[in-house]
PDB file of N, CA and C in Angstrom:
ATOM      1  N   MET A   1      38.654  57.381   2.219  1.00  0.00           N
ATOM      2  CA  MET A   1      39.805  56.530   2.027  1.00  0.00           C
ATOM      3  C   MET A   1      40.180  55.901   3.363  1.00  0.00           C
ATOM      4  N   PHE A   2      40.705  54.681   3.287  1.00  0.00           N
ATOM      5  CA  PHE A   2      41.190  54.006   4.485  1.00  0.00           C
ATOM      6  C   PHE A   2      42.355  53.106   4.101  1.00  0.00           C
ATOM      7  N   TRP A   3      43.122  52.721   5.098  1.00  0.00           N
ATOM      8  CA  TRP A   3      44.210  51.775   4.923  1.00  0.00           C
ATOM      9  C   TRP A   3      43.852  50.496   5.675  1.00  0.00           C
ATOM     10  N   LEU A   4      44.053  49.369   5.028  1.00  0.00           N
ATOM     11  CA  LEU A   4      43.935  48.066   5.685  1.00  0.00           C
ATOM     12  C   LEU A   4      45.321  47.451   5.631  1.00  0.00           C
ATOM     13  N   VAL A   5      45.994  47.432   6.772  1.00  0.00           N
ATOM     14  CA  VAL A   5      47.376  46.971   6.857  1.00  0.00           C
ATOM     15  C   VAL A   5      47.370  45.516   7.300  1.00  0.00           C
ATOM     16  N   HIS A   6      47.900  44.666   6.446  1.00  0.00           N
ATOM     17  CA  HIS A   6      47.968  43.234   6.745  1.00  0.00           C
ATOM     18  C   HIS A   6      49.230  42.979   7.559  1.00  0.00           C
ATOM     19  N   ILE A   7      49.061  42.533   8.796  1.00  0.00           N
ATOM     20  CA  ILE A   7      50.192  42.296   9.696  1.00  0.00           C
ATOM     21  C   ILE A   7      50.606  40.835   9.594  1.00  0.00           C
ATOM     22  N   HIS A   8      51.328  40.522   8.550  1.00  0.00           N
ATOM     23  CA  HIS A   8      51.897  39.189   8.412  1.00  0.00           C
ATOM     24  C   HIS A   8      53.056  39.299   7.446  1.00  0.00           C
ATOM     25  N   SER A   9      54.189  38.934   7.908  1.00  0.00           N
ATOM     26  CA  SER A   9      55.359  38.971   7.056  1.00  0.00           C
ATOM     27  C   SER A   9      56.309  37.871   7.493  1.00  0.00           C
ATOM     28  N   GLU A  10      56.588  36.968   6.593  1.00  0.00           N
ATOM     29  CA  GLU A  10      57.492  35.877   6.932  1.00  0.00           C
ATOM     30  C   GLU A  10      58.941  36.338   6.967  1.00  0.00           C
ATOM     31  N   SER A  11      59.220  37.529   6.439  1.00  0.00           N
ATOM     32  CA  SER A  11      60.605  37.996   6.367  1.00  0.00           C
ATOM     33  C   SER A  11      60.939  39.046   7.423  1.00  0.00           C
ATOM     34  N   SER A  12      60.001  39.353   8.334  1.00  0.00           N
ATOM     35  CA  SER A  12      60.306  40.353   9.362  1.00  0.00           C
ATOM     36  C   SER A  12      59.639  39.949  10.677  1.00  0.00           C
ATOM     37  N   PHE A  13      59.927  40.742  11.686  1.00  0.00           N
ATOM     38  CA  PHE A  13      59.360  40.478  13.005  1.00  0.00           C
ATOM     39  C   PHE A  13      58.103  41.295  13.273  1.00  0.00           C
ATOM     40  N   LEU A  14      57.541  41.937  12.257  1.00  0.00           N
ATOM     41  CA  LEU A  14      56.385  42.807  12.442  1.00  0.00           C
ATOM     42  C   LEU A  14      55.244  42.093  13.165  1.00  0.00           C
ATOM     43  N   GLU A  15      54.894  40.903  12.716  1.00  0.00           N
ATOM     44  CA  GLU A  15      53.798  40.162  13.336  1.00  0.00           C
ATOM     45  C   GLU A  15      54.104  39.839  14.799  1.00  0.00           C
ATOM     46  N   THR A  16      55.353  39.489  15.074  1.00  0.00           N
ATOM     47  CA  THR A  16      55.755  39.186  16.452  1.00  0.00           C
ATOM     48  C   THR A  16      55.646  40.416  17.336  1.00  0.00           C
ATOM     49  N   TYR A  17      56.166  41.557  16.873  1.00  0.00           N
ATOM     50  CA  TYR A  17      56.102  42.787  17.653  1.00  0.00           C
ATOM     51  C   TYR A  17      54.653  43.230  17.862  1.00  0.00           C
ATOM     52  N   PHE A  18      53.838  43.092  16.822  1.00  0.00           N
ATOM     53  CA  PHE A  18      52.429  43.471  16.948  1.00  0.00           C
ATOM     54  C   PHE A  18      51.758  42.605  18.010  1.00  0.00           C
ATOM     55  N   SER A  19      51.964  41.304  17.935  1.00  0.00           N
ATOM     56  CA  SER A  19      51.359  40.386  18.914  1.00  0.00           C
ATOM     57  C   SER A  19      51.833  40.684  20.332  1.00  0.00           C
ATOM     58  N   MET A  20      53.119  40.973  20.482  1.00  0.00           N
ATOM     59  CA  MET A  20      53.669  41.282  21.802  1.00  0.00           C
ATOM     60  C   MET A  20      53.088  42.575  22.361  1.00  0.00           C
ATOM     61  N   SER A  21      52.674  43.476  21.484  1.00  0.00           N
ATOM     62  CA  SER A  21      52.161  44.783  21.905  1.00  0.00           C
ATOM     63  C   SER A  21      50.703  44.753  22.339  1.00  0.00           C
ATOM     64  N   LEU A  22      49.960  43.749  21.898  1.00  0.00           N
ATOM     65  CA  LEU A  22      48.526  43.708  22.198  1.00  0.00           C
ATOM     66  C   LEU A  22      48.275  43.544  23.694  1.00  0.00           C
ATOM     67  N   ASP A  23      47.539  44.476  24.246  1.00  0.00           N
ATOM     68  CA  ASP A  23      47.193  44.464  25.667  1.00  0.00           C
ATOM     69  C   ASP A  23      45.812  45.100  25.816  1.00  0.00           C
ATOM     70  N   PHE A  24      44.798  44.263  25.864  1.00  0.00           N
ATOM     71  CA  PHE A  24      43.428  44.765  25.930  1.00  0.00           C
ATOM     72  C   PHE A  24      42.883  44.786  27.358  1.00  0.00           C
ATOM     73  N   SER A  25      43.782  44.775  28.351  1.00  0.00           N
ATOM     74  CA  SER A  25      43.293  44.754  29.725  1.00  0.00           C
ATOM     75  C   SER A  25      43.786  45.910  30.587  1.00  0.00           C
ATOM     76  N   SER A  26      44.868  46.563  30.224  1.00  0.00           N
ATOM     77  CA  SER A  26      45.453  47.571  31.110  1.00  0.00           C
ATOM     78  C   SER A  26      44.735  48.917  31.096  1.00  0.00           C
ATOM     79  N   ARG A  27      44.631  49.541  29.941  1.00  0.00           N
ATOM     80  CA  ARG A  27      44.033  50.884  29.852  1.00  0.00           C
ATOM     81  C   ARG A  27      42.897  50.859  28.840  1.00  0.00           C
ATOM     82  N   VAL A  28      41.727  50.500  29.301  1.00  0.00           N
ATOM     83  CA  VAL A  28      40.568  50.370  28.420  1.00  0.00           C
ATOM     84  C   VAL A  28      39.625  51.548  28.654  1.00  0.00           C
ATOM     85  N   THR A  29      39.162  52.143  27.552  1.00  0.00           N
ATOM     86  CA  THR A  29      38.238  53.268  27.620  1.00  0.00           C
ATOM     87  C   THR A  29      37.076  53.010  26.674  1.00  0.00           C
ATOM     88  N   ASN A  30      35.861  53.228  27.147  1.00  0.00           N
ATOM     89  CA  ASN A  30      34.684  53.105  26.292  1.00  0.00           C
ATOM     90  C   ASN A  30      34.425  54.458  25.650  1.00  0.00           C
ATOM     91  N   LEU A  31      34.360  54.462  24.333  1.00  0.00           N
ATOM     92  CA  LEU A  31      34.135  55.693  23.587  1.00  0.00           C
ATOM     93  C   LEU A  31      33.093  55.427  22.517  1.00  0.00           C
ATOM     94  N   ASP A  32      31.975  56.092  22.618  1.00  0.00           N
ATOM     95  CA  ASP A  32      30.886  55.940  21.643  1.00  0.00           C
ATOM     96  C   ASP A  32      30.465  54.480  21.471  1.00  0.00           C
ATOM     97  N   GLY A  33      30.443  53.741  22.577  1.00  0.00           N
ATOM     98  CA  GLY A  33      29.996  52.353  22.545  1.00  0.00           C
ATOM     99  C   GLY A  33      31.048  51.343  22.108  1.00  0.00           C
ATOM    100  N   LYS A  34      32.265  51.786  21.874  1.00  0.00           N
ATOM    101  CA  LYS A  34      33.362  50.885  21.479  1.00  0.00           C
ATOM    102  C   LYS A  34      34.443  50.931  22.545  1.00  0.00           C
ATOM    103  N   GLU A  35      35.060  49.779  22.801  1.00  0.00           N
ATOM    104  CA  GLU A  35      36.139  49.714  23.777  1.00  0.00           C
ATOM    105  C   GLU A  35      37.484  49.868  23.082  1.00  0.00           C
ATOM    106  N   PHE A  36      38.205  50.913  23.466  1.00  0.00           N
ATOM    107  CA  PHE A  36      39.548  51.149  22.965  1.00  0.00           C
ATOM    108  C   PHE A  36      40.536  50.818  24.066  1.00  0.00           C
ATOM    109  N   ALA A  37      41.598  50.140  23.719  1.00  0.00           N
ATOM    110  CA  ALA A  37      42.655  49.836  24.673  1.00  0.00           C
ATOM    111  C   ALA A  37      43.917  50.574  24.248  1.00  0.00           C
ATOM    112  N   VAL A  38      44.507  51.269  25.188  1.00  0.00           N
ATOM    113  CA  VAL A  38      45.770  51.956  24.933  1.00  0.00           C
ATOM    114  C   VAL A  38      46.883  50.983  25.288  1.00  0.00           C
ATOM    115  N   MET A  39      47.818  50.834  24.373  1.00  0.00           N
ATOM    116  CA  MET A  39      48.925  49.899  24.575  1.00  0.00           C
ATOM    117  C   MET A  39      50.225  50.505  24.092  1.00  0.00           C
ATOM    118  N   ARG A  40      51.313  49.831  24.358  1.00  0.00           N
ATOM    119  CA  ARG A  40      52.644  50.309  24.005  1.00  0.00           C
ATOM    120  C   ARG A  40      53.263  49.380  22.975  1.00  0.00           C
ATOM    121  N   TRP A  41      53.848  50.001  21.923  1.00  0.00           N
ATOM    122  CA  TRP A  41      54.523  49.231  20.863  1.00  0.00           C
ATOM    123  C   TRP A  41      55.771  48.582  21.445  1.00  0.00           C
ATOM    124  N   MET A  42      55.907  47.274  21.284  1.00  0.00           N
ATOM    125  CA  MET A  42      56.995  46.514  21.883  1.00  0.00           C
ATOM    126  C   MET A  42      58.178  46.293  20.939  1.00  0.00           C
ATOM    127  N   GLY A  43      58.062  46.742  19.715  1.00  0.00           N
ATOM    128  CA  GLY A  43      59.165  46.585  18.773  1.00  0.00           C
ATOM    129  C   GLY A  43      60.286  47.561  19.062  1.00  0.00           C
ATOM    130  N   PRO A  44      61.482  47.280  18.549  1.00  0.00           N
ATOM    131  CA  PRO A  44      62.626  48.154  18.805  1.00  0.00           C
ATOM    132  C   PRO A  44      62.505  49.509  18.111  1.00  0.00           C
ATOM    133  N   ASN A  45      61.758  49.585  17.025  1.00  0.00           N
ATOM    134  CA  ASN A  45      61.597  50.836  16.285  1.00  0.00           C
ATOM    135  C   ASN A  45      60.139  51.269  16.352  1.00  0.00           C
ATOM    136  N   LYS A  46      59.884  52.367  17.006  1.00  0.00           N
ATOM    137  CA  LYS A  46      58.506  52.846  17.188  1.00  0.00           C
ATOM    138  C   LYS A  46      57.986  53.579  15.962  1.00  0.00           C
ATOM    139  N   GLN A  47      58.821  53.757  14.944  1.00  0.00           N
ATOM    140  CA  GLN A  47      58.420  54.506  13.754  1.00  0.00           C
ATOM    141  C   GLN A  47      57.225  53.854  13.051  1.00  0.00           C
ATOM    142  N   PHE A  48      57.139  52.525  13.064  1.00  0.00           N
ATOM    143  CA  PHE A  48      56.021  51.829  12.413  1.00  0.00           C
ATOM    144  C   PHE A  48      54.692  52.335  12.962  1.00  0.00           C
ATOM    145  N   ILE A  49      54.529  52.290  14.278  1.00  0.00           N
ATOM    146  CA  ILE A  49      53.246  52.661  14.870  1.00  0.00           C
ATOM    147  C   ILE A  49      53.055  54.173  14.844  1.00  0.00           C
ATOM    148  N   GLU A  50      54.125  54.936  14.984  1.00  0.00           N
ATOM    149  CA  GLU A  50      54.014  56.394  14.950  1.00  0.00           C
ATOM    150  C   GLU A  50      53.520  56.873  13.587  1.00  0.00           C
ATOM    151  N   LYS A  51      54.020  56.276  12.526  1.00  0.00           N
ATOM    152  CA  LYS A  51      53.586  56.662  11.173  1.00  0.00           C
ATOM    153  C   LYS A  51      52.098  56.395  10.990  1.00  0.00           C
ATOM    154  N   TRP A  52      51.636  55.205  11.383  1.00  0.00           N
ATOM    155  CA  TRP A  52      50.235  54.856  11.171  1.00  0.00           C
ATOM    156  C   TRP A  52      49.299  55.650  12.067  1.00  0.00           C
ATOM    157  N   LYS A  53      49.687  55.930  13.299  1.00  0.00           N
ATOM    158  CA  LYS A  53      48.754  56.648  14.189  1.00  0.00           C
ATOM    159  C   LYS A  53      48.606  58.112  13.811  1.00  0.00           C
ATOM    160  N   ARG A  54      49.499  58.646  12.981  1.00  0.00           N
ATOM    161  CA  ARG A  54      49.375  60.022  12.503  1.00  0.00           C
ATOM    162  C   ARG A  54      48.690  60.114  11.139  1.00  0.00           C
ATOM    163  N   ALA A  55      48.283  59.000  10.577  1.00  0.00           N
ATOM    164  CA  ALA A  55      47.666  59.000   9.244  1.00  0.00           C
ATOM    165  C   ALA A  55      46.386  59.829   9.234  1.00  0.00           C
ATOM    166  N   THR A  56      46.134  60.488   8.120  1.00  0.00           N
ATOM    167  CA  THR A  56      44.910  61.284   7.998  1.00  0.00           C
ATOM    168  C   THR A  56      43.728  60.416   7.573  1.00  0.00           C
ATOM    169  N   ALA A  57      44.000  59.253   6.980  1.00  0.00           N
ATOM    170  CA  ALA A  57      42.936  58.302   6.620  1.00  0.00           C
ATOM    171  C   ALA A  57      42.756  57.325   7.780  1.00  0.00           C
ATOM    172  N   HIS A  58      41.617  56.671   7.838  1.00  0.00           N
ATOM    173  CA  HIS A  58      41.389  55.646   8.860  1.00  0.00           C
ATOM    174  C   HIS A  58      42.308  54.466   8.592  1.00  0.00           C
ATOM    175  N   VAL A  59      42.836  53.887   9.683  1.00  0.00           N
ATOM    176  CA  VAL A  59      43.766  52.772   9.571  1.00  0.00           C
ATOM    177  C   VAL A  59      43.187  51.575  10.307  1.00  0.00           C
ATOM    178  N   PHE A  60      43.183  50.438   9.612  1.00  0.00           N
ATOM    179  CA  PHE A  60      42.751  49.168  10.176  1.00  0.00           C
ATOM    180  C   PHE A  60      43.907  48.194  10.045  1.00  0.00           C
ATOM    181  N   PHE A  61      44.113  47.365  11.069  1.00  0.00           N
ATOM    182  CA  PHE A  61      45.127  46.318  11.014  1.00  0.00           C
ATOM    183  C   PHE A  61      44.423  44.978  10.927  1.00  0.00           C
ATOM    184  N   ASN A  62      44.858  44.144  10.011  1.00  0.00           N
ATOM    185  CA  ASN A  62      44.361  42.778   9.880  1.00  0.00           C
ATOM    186  C   ASN A  62      45.472  41.855  10.359  1.00  0.00           C
ATOM    187  N   ALA A  63      45.235  41.194  11.479  1.00  0.00           N
ATOM    188  CA  ALA A  63      46.217  40.277  12.052  1.00  0.00           C
ATOM    189  C   ALA A  63      45.534  38.945  12.294  1.00  0.00           C
ATOM    190  N   GLY A  64      45.882  37.956  11.489  1.00  0.00           N
ATOM    191  CA  GLY A  64      45.214  36.665  11.580  1.00  0.00           C
ATOM    192  C   GLY A  64      43.737  36.834  11.279  1.00  0.00           C
ATOM    193  N   PRO A  65      42.860  36.292  12.125  1.00  0.00           N
ATOM    194  CA  PRO A  65      41.422  36.422  11.866  1.00  0.00           C
ATOM    195  C   PRO A  65      40.822  37.722  12.407  1.00  0.00           C
ATOM    196  N   TYR A  66      41.645  38.607  12.948  1.00  0.00           N
ATOM    197  CA  TYR A  66      41.148  39.801  13.622  1.00  0.00           C
ATOM    198  C   TYR A  66      41.349  41.061  12.794  1.00  0.00           C
ATOM    199  N   ILE A  67      40.443  42.014  12.992  1.00  0.00           N
ATOM    200  CA  ILE A  67      40.572  43.340  12.402  1.00  0.00           C
ATOM    201  C   ILE A  67      40.501  44.339  13.552  1.00  0.00           C
ATOM    202  N   PHE A  68      41.466  45.253  13.573  1.00  0.00           N
ATOM    203  CA  PHE A  68      41.550  46.268  14.611  1.00  0.00           C
ATOM    204  C   PHE A  68      41.478  47.642  13.968  1.00  0.00           C
ATOM    205  N   TYR A  69      40.787  48.560  14.634  1.00  0.00           N
ATOM    206  CA  TYR A  69      40.778  49.952  14.208  1.00  0.00           C
ATOM    207  C   TYR A  69      41.803  50.691  15.050  1.00  0.00           C
ATOM    208  N   LEU A  70      42.726  51.380  14.405  1.00  0.00           N
ATOM    209  CA  LEU A  70      43.722  52.189  15.095  1.00  0.00           C
ATOM    210  C   LEU A  70      43.125  53.574  15.316  1.00  0.00           C
ATOM    211  N   ALA A  71      43.090  54.002  16.562  1.00  0.00           N
ATOM    212  CA  ALA A  71      42.509  55.306  16.876  1.00  0.00           C
ATOM    213  C   ALA A  71      43.221  56.400  16.093  1.00  0.00           C
ATOM    214  N   SER A  72      42.440  57.150  15.349  1.00  0.00           N
ATOM    215  CA  SER A  72      42.962  58.283  14.591  1.00  0.00           C
ATOM    216  C   SER A  72      43.346  59.382  15.581  1.00  0.00           C
ATOM    217  N   PRO A  73      44.080  60.415  15.139  1.00  0.00           N
ATOM    218  CA  PRO A  73      44.441  61.489  16.075  1.00  0.00           C
ATOM    219  C   PRO A  73      43.228  62.101  16.784  1.00  0.00           C
ATOM    220  N   GLY A  74      42.123  62.299  16.078  1.00  0.00           N
ATOM    221  CA  GLY A  74      40.931  62.865  16.693  1.00  0.00           C
ATOM    222  C   GLY A  74      40.327  61.949  17.737  1.00  0.00           C
ATOM    223  N   VAL A  75      40.254  60.668  17.442  1.00  0.00           N
ATOM    224  CA  VAL A  75      39.720  59.694  18.403  1.00  0.00           C
ATOM    225  C   VAL A  75      40.663  59.577  19.593  1.00  0.00           C
ATOM    226  N   ALA A  76      41.949  59.506  19.328  1.00  0.00           N
ATOM    227  CA  ALA A  76      42.934  59.379  20.406  1.00  0.00           C
ATOM    228  C   ALA A  76      42.836  60.552  21.378  1.00  0.00           C
ATOM    229  N   ALA A  77      42.574  61.739  20.870  1.00  0.00           N
ATOM    230  CA  ALA A  77      42.451  62.923  21.730  1.00  0.00           C
ATOM    231  C   ALA A  77      41.262  62.810  22.675  1.00  0.00           C
ATOM    232  N   ARG A  78      40.267  62.046  22.304  1.00  0.00           N
ATOM    233  CA  ARG A  78      39.063  61.895  23.132  1.00  0.00           C
ATOM    234  C   ARG A  78      39.175  60.764  24.149  1.00  0.00           C
ATOM    235  N   LEU A  79      40.286  60.047  24.176  1.00  0.00           N
ATOM    236  CA  LEU A  79      40.429  58.894  25.062  1.00  0.00           C
ATOM    237  C   LEU A  79      40.842  59.251  26.491  1.00  0.00           C
ATOM    238  N   GLY A  80      41.047  60.509  26.777  1.00  0.00           N
ATOM    239  CA  GLY A  80      41.353  60.901  28.152  1.00  0.00           C
ATOM    240  C   GLY A  80      42.721  61.508  28.311  1.00  0.00           C
ATOM    241  N   ALA A  81      43.757  60.771  28.050  1.00  0.00           N
ATOM    242  CA  ALA A  81      45.117  61.289  28.185  1.00  0.00           C
ATOM    243  C   ALA A  81      45.799  61.202  26.823  1.00  0.00           C
ATOM    244  N   PRO A  82      46.652  62.165  26.504  1.00  0.00           N
ATOM    245  CA  PRO A  82      47.333  62.110  25.203  1.00  0.00           C
ATOM    246  C   PRO A  82      48.210  60.866  25.093  1.00  0.00           C
ATOM    247  N   LEU A  83      48.315  60.352  23.896  1.00  0.00           N
ATOM    248  CA  LEU A  83      49.147  59.173  23.663  1.00  0.00           C
ATOM    249  C   LEU A  83      50.601  59.621  23.520  1.00  0.00           C
ATOM    250  N   ARG A  84      51.464  58.991  24.289  1.00  0.00           N
ATOM    251  CA  ARG A  84      52.892  59.303  24.210  1.00  0.00           C
ATOM    252  C   ARG A  84      53.512  58.548  23.034  1.00  0.00           C
ATOM    253  N   ARG A  85      54.757  58.890  22.736  1.00  0.00           N
ATOM    254  CA  ARG A  85      55.477  58.202  21.666  1.00  0.00           C
ATOM    255  C   ARG A  85      55.503  56.703  21.973  1.00  0.00           C
ATOM    256  N   GLY A  86      55.130  55.909  20.985  1.00  0.00           N
ATOM    257  CA  GLY A  86      55.106  54.462  21.149  1.00  0.00           C
ATOM    258  C   GLY A  86      53.784  53.925  21.668  1.00  0.00           C
ATOM    259  N   GLU A  87      52.901  54.793  22.126  1.00  0.00           N
ATOM    260  CA  GLU A  87      51.582  54.353  22.576  1.00  0.00           C
ATOM    261  C   GLU A  87      50.590  54.477  21.429  1.00  0.00           C
ATOM    262  N   PHE A  88      49.622  53.581  21.428  1.00  0.00           N
ATOM    263  CA  PHE A  88      48.570  53.609  20.420  1.00  0.00           C
ATOM    264  C   PHE A  88      47.324  52.979  21.013  1.00  0.00           C
ATOM    265  N   ALA A  89      46.188  53.219  20.385  1.00  0.00           N
ATOM    266  CA  ALA A  89      44.923  52.677  20.888  1.00  0.00           C
ATOM    267  C   ALA A  89      44.245  51.895  19.776  1.00  0.00           C
ATOM    268  N   LEU A  90      43.754  50.715  20.136  1.00  0.00           N
ATOM    269  CA  LEU A  90      43.062  49.846  19.191  1.00  0.00           C
ATOM    270  C   LEU A  90      41.683  49.503  19.699  1.00  0.00           C
ATOM    271  N   CYS A  91      40.806  49.252  18.748  1.00  0.00           N
ATOM    272  CA  CYS A  91      39.469  48.737  19.009  1.00  0.00           C
ATOM    273  C   CYS A  91      39.308  47.500  18.129  1.00  0.00           C
ATOM    274  N   THR A  92      38.880  46.400  18.717  1.00  0.00           N
ATOM    275  CA  THR A  92      38.646  45.182  17.948  1.00  0.00           C
ATOM    276  C   THR A  92      37.319  45.291  17.222  1.00  0.00           C
ATOM    277  N   LEU A  93      37.312  44.929  15.952  1.00  0.00           N
ATOM    278  CA  LEU A  93      36.097  44.994  15.145  1.00  0.00           C
ATOM    279  C   LEU A  93      35.705  43.610  14.648  1.00  0.00           C
ATOM    280  N   SER A  94      34.420  43.380  14.581  1.00  0.00           N
ATOM    281  CA  SER A  94      33.933  42.182  13.903  1.00  0.00           C
ATOM    282  C   SER A  94      34.002  42.445  12.399  1.00  0.00           C
ATOM    283  N   ARG A  95      33.833  41.421  11.619  1.00  0.00           N
ATOM    284  CA  ARG A  95      33.815  41.584  10.160  1.00  0.00           C
ATOM    285  C   ARG A  95      32.726  42.570   9.747  1.00  0.00           C
ATOM    286  N   ASP A  96      31.545  42.437  10.350  1.00  0.00           N
ATOM    287  CA  ASP A  96      30.436  43.340  10.025  1.00  0.00           C
ATOM    288  C   ASP A  96      30.727  44.776  10.455  1.00  0.00           C
ATOM    289  N   ASP A  97      31.367  44.954  11.631  1.00  0.00           N
ATOM    290  CA  ASP A  97      31.752  46.302  12.069  1.00  0.00           C
ATOM    291  C   ASP A  97      32.695  46.936  11.054  1.00  0.00           C
ATOM    292  N   PHE A  98      33.660  46.146  10.587  1.00  0.00           N
ATOM    293  CA  PHE A  98      34.614  46.660   9.602  1.00  0.00           C
ATOM    294  C   PHE A  98      33.899  47.056   8.314  1.00  0.00           C
ATOM    295  N   LEU A  99      33.023  46.203   7.825  1.00  0.00           N
ATOM    296  CA  LEU A  99      32.308  46.510   6.584  1.00  0.00           C
ATOM    297  C   LEU A  99      31.447  47.756   6.733  1.00  0.00           C
ATOM    298  N   ARG A 100      30.813  47.929   7.892  1.00  0.00           N
ATOM    299  CA  ARG A 100      30.039  49.150   8.134  1.00  0.00           C
ATOM    300  C   ARG A 100      30.961  50.367   8.191  1.00  0.00           C
ATOM    301  N   ALA A 101      32.125  50.201   8.803  1.00  0.00           N
ATOM    302  CA  ALA A 101      33.058  51.320   8.942  1.00  0.00           C
ATOM    303  C   ALA A 101      33.547  51.819   7.585  1.00  0.00           C
ATOM    304  N   VAL A 102      33.717  50.900   6.651  1.00  0.00           N
ATOM    305  CA  VAL A 102      34.180  51.318   5.318  1.00  0.00           C
ATOM    306  C   VAL A 102      33.004  51.454   4.358  1.00  0.00           C
ATOM    307  N   ARG A 103      31.801  51.337   4.892  1.00  0.00           N
ATOM    308  CA  ARG A 103      30.545  51.517   4.153  1.00  0.00           C
ATOM    309  C   ARG A 103      30.457  50.590   2.935  1.00  0.00           C
ATOM    310  N   TRP A 104      30.708  49.328   3.181  1.00  0.00           N
ATOM    311  CA  TRP A 104      30.621  48.333   2.130  1.00  0.00           C
ATOM    312  C   TRP A 104      29.167  47.891   2.028  1.00  0.00           C
ATOM    313  N   GLU A 105      28.534  48.219   0.932  1.00  0.00           N
ATOM    314  CA  GLU A 105      27.120  47.889   0.750  1.00  0.00           C
ATOM    315  C   GLU A 105      26.937  47.119  -0.550  1.00  0.00           C
ATOM    316  N   ASP A 106      26.168  46.060  -0.491  1.00  0.00           N
ATOM    317  CA  ASP A 106      25.858  45.246  -1.664  1.00  0.00           C
ATOM    318  C   ASP A 106      27.120  44.781  -2.389  1.00  0.00           C
ATOM    319  N   GLY A 107      28.162  44.424  -1.621  1.00  0.00           N
ATOM    320  CA  GLY A 107      29.366  43.883  -2.227  1.00  0.00           C
ATOM    321  C   GLY A 107      30.296  44.902  -2.830  1.00  0.00           C
ATOM    322  N   ALA A 108      30.064  46.175  -2.622  1.00  0.00           N
ATOM    323  CA  ALA A 108      30.949  47.205  -3.169  1.00  0.00           C
ATOM    324  C   ALA A 108      31.047  48.378  -2.199  1.00  0.00           C
ATOM    325  N   PRO A 109      32.238  48.988  -2.121  1.00  0.00           N
ATOM    326  CA  PRO A 109      32.349  50.146  -1.226  1.00  0.00           C
ATOM    327  C   PRO A 109      31.489  51.294  -1.726  1.00  0.00           C
ATOM    328  N   SER A 110      30.931  52.039  -0.783  1.00  0.00           N
ATOM    329  CA  SER A 110      30.097  53.180  -1.210  1.00  0.00           C
ATOM    330  C   SER A 110      30.854  54.471  -1.078  1.00  0.00           C
TER     331      SER A 110
END
């Protein structure tokens, strides 16, 4: 199971806060051939990102044309330093990376 969270809402600031939080240059770590960036949630309420980063299923964010993988608790633990409240780690995925991650084969999930 996985979650694909669409980050677009005309009635809230979610997309704005998500965009403001993206920082792929400050704390970058290569893990298993993928680059994860640790960043800080810029919204006033950190509960949004805290809820998703504790999920037991894999979480992907779809923001505009991009798909990001949110480091699960196990992956986050391997990034070097523990993530503090409001911190999260993302990896940018191509469309093909995403389809492989969810094991989409022959037009259907496996």
